[in-house]
C-alpha atoms as a PDB file:
ATOM      1  CA  UNK A   1      13.961  -0.217  -3.817  1.00  0.00           C
ATOM      2  CA  UNK A   2      13.702  -3.585  -1.993  1.00  0.00           C
ATOM      3  CA  UNK A   3      14.042  -6.457  -4.154  1.00  0.00           C
ATOM      4  CA  UNK A   4      11.061  -8.843  -3.329  1.00  0.00           C
ATOM      5  CA  UNK A   5      11.245 -12.551  -3.519  1.00  0.00           C
ATOM      6  CA  UNK A   6       8.664 -15.058  -3.568  1.00  0.00           C
ATOM      7  CA  UNK A   7       8.979 -15.385   0.483  1.00  0.00           C
ATOM      8  CA  UNK A   8       8.671 -11.593   0.756  1.00  0.00           C
ATOM      9  CA  UNK A   9       5.429 -11.683  -1.360  1.00  0.00           C
ATOM     10  CA  UNK A  10       4.021 -14.246   1.013  1.00  0.00           C
ATOM     11  CA  UNK A  11       5.212 -12.173   3.973  1.00  0.00           C
ATOM     12  CA  UNK A  12       3.602  -9.121   2.394  1.00  0.00           C
ATOM     13  CA  UNK A  13      -0.017 -10.846   1.936  1.00  0.00           C
ATOM     14  CA  UNK A  14       0.144 -11.867   5.752  1.00  0.00           C
ATOM     15  CA  UNK A  15       1.131  -8.529   6.859  1.00  0.00           C
ATOM     16  CA  UNK A  16      -1.757  -6.796   4.512  1.00  0.00           C
ATOM     17  CA  UNK A  17      -4.368  -9.216   3.961  1.00  0.00           C
ATOM     18  CA  UNK A  18      -7.831  -7.794   2.510  1.00  0.00           C
ATOM     19  CA  UNK A  19      -9.469  -5.482   4.988  1.00  0.00           C
ATOM     20  CA  UNK A  20      -6.171  -3.958   6.611  1.00  0.00           C
ATOM     21  CA  UNK A  21      -6.301  -0.309   7.005  1.00  0.00           C
ATOM     22  CA  UNK A  22      -3.410   1.585   6.274  1.00  0.00           C
ATOM     23  CA  UNK A  23      -2.309   5.097   6.321  1.00  0.00           C
ATOM     24  CA  UNK A  24       0.308   7.114   4.369  1.00  0.00           C
ATOM     25  CA  UNK A  25       3.279   8.387   6.310  1.00  0.00           C
ATOM     26  CA  UNK A  26       4.273  10.859   3.686  1.00  0.00           C
ATOM     27  CA  UNK A  27       3.296  12.148   0.060  1.00  0.00           C
ATOM     28  CA  UNK A  28       3.361   9.570  -2.815  1.00  0.00           C
ATOM     29  CA  UNK A  29       5.877  10.131  -5.717  1.00  0.00           C
ATOM     30  CA  UNK A  30       3.192   9.321  -8.086  1.00  0.00           C
ATOM     31  CA  UNK A  31       2.592  13.017  -9.918  1.00  0.00           C
ATOM     32  CA  UNK A  32      -1.038  12.093 -10.827  1.00  0.00           C
ATOM     33  CA  UNK A  33      -2.462  11.490  -7.577  1.00  0.00           C
ATOM     34  CA  UNK A  34      -3.431  13.986  -4.738  1.00  0.00           C
ATOM     35  CA  UNK A  35      -3.089  11.537  -1.819  1.00  0.00           C
ATOM     36  CA  UNK A  36      -1.048  13.012   0.974  1.00  0.00           C
ATOM     37  CA  UNK A  37       0.607  12.049   4.398  1.00  0.00           C
ATOM     38  CA  UNK A  38      -2.270  11.000   6.727  1.00  0.00           C
ATOM     39  CA  UNK A  39      -4.694   9.705   3.810  1.00  0.00           C
ATOM     40  CA  UNK A  40      -6.136   6.234   4.775  1.00  0.00           C
ATOM     41  CA  UNK A  41      -7.051   3.446   2.824  1.00  0.00           C
ATOM     42  CA  UNK A  42      -8.423  -0.225   2.908  1.00  0.00           C
ATOM     43  CA  UNK A  43      -6.295  -2.830   1.376  1.00  0.00           C
ATOM     44  CA  UNK A  44      -7.928  -5.064  -1.351  1.00  0.00           C
ATOM     45  CA  UNK A  45      -4.993  -7.392  -2.082  1.00  0.00           C
ATOM     46  CA  UNK A  46      -1.048  -7.844  -2.863  1.00  0.00           C
ATOM     47  CA  UNK A  47      -0.202  -8.817  -6.193  1.00  0.00           C
ATOM     48  CA  UNK A  48       2.813 -10.585  -7.551  1.00  0.00           C
ATOM     49  CA  UNK A  49       4.820  -7.669  -8.040  1.00  0.00           C
ATOM     50  CA  UNK A  50       4.604  -6.686  -4.307  1.00  0.00           C
ATOM     51  CA  UNK A  51       1.891  -3.906  -4.833  1.00  0.00           C
ATOM     52  CA  UNK A  52      -0.508  -3.460  -2.090  1.00  0.00           C
ATOM     53  CA  UNK A  53      -3.749  -2.578  -4.060  1.00  0.00           C
ATOM     54  CA  UNK A  54      -6.034  -0.040  -1.767  1.00  0.00           C
ATOM     55  CA  UNK A  55      -9.429   1.538  -2.087  1.00  0.00           C
ATOM     56  CA  UNK A  56      -8.527   4.872  -0.453  1.00  0.00           C
ATOM     57  CA  UNK A  57     -11.089   6.939   1.490  1.00  0.00           C
ATOM     58  CA  UNK A  58     -11.456   9.545  -1.006  1.00  0.00           C
ATOM     59  CA  UNK A  59     -12.449   6.916  -3.588  1.00  0.00           C
ATOM     60  CA  UNK A  60      -9.050   6.721  -5.576  1.00  0.00           C
ATOM     61  CA  UNK A  61      -7.944   3.244  -6.314  1.00  0.00           C
ATOM     62  CA  UNK A  62      -4.321   3.336  -6.395  1.00  0.00           C
ATOM     63  CA  UNK A  63      -1.692   0.682  -5.086  1.00  0.00           C
ATOM     64  CA  UNK A  64       1.012   1.100  -2.443  1.00  0.00           C
ATOM     65  CA  UNK A  65       4.753  -0.132  -3.582  1.00  0.00           C
ATOM     66  CA  UNK A  66       6.322  -1.886  -0.800  1.00  0.00           C
ATOM     67  CA  UNK A  67       9.957  -0.232  -0.270  1.00  0.00           C
ATOM     68  CA  UNK A  68       8.978   2.955  -2.363  1.00  0.00           C
ATOM     69  CA  UNK A  69       5.916   4.251  -0.662  1.00  0.00           C
ATOM     70  CA  UNK A  70       5.856   5.190   3.213  1.00  0.00           C
ATOM     71  CA  UNK A  71       2.809   3.741   4.952  1.00  0.00           C
ATOM     72  CA  UNK A  72       1.842   2.006   8.290  1.00  0.00           C
ATOM     73  CA  UNK A  73      -0.895  -0.242   9.333  1.00  0.00           C
ATOM     74  CA  UNK A  74      -3.480   1.621  11.596  1.00  0.00           C
ATOM     75  CA  UNK A  75      -5.855  -1.143  12.562  1.00  0.00           C
END
């Protein structure tokens, strides 16, 4: 996992501003979610730990962890 610094947090907030659309590139490691590759979400915010909080199109509200979860910007 990538160690995030204050500068990287700022960069993450620029890369993933509120309203950015993202897509999972592979299934998440979280055993409590049914999200899979190809699922899409809208970014809500990036917190101070580097988690990209999202609202998924299926209604789920689960954050992406930079350096752990594989995702890409689609819009």
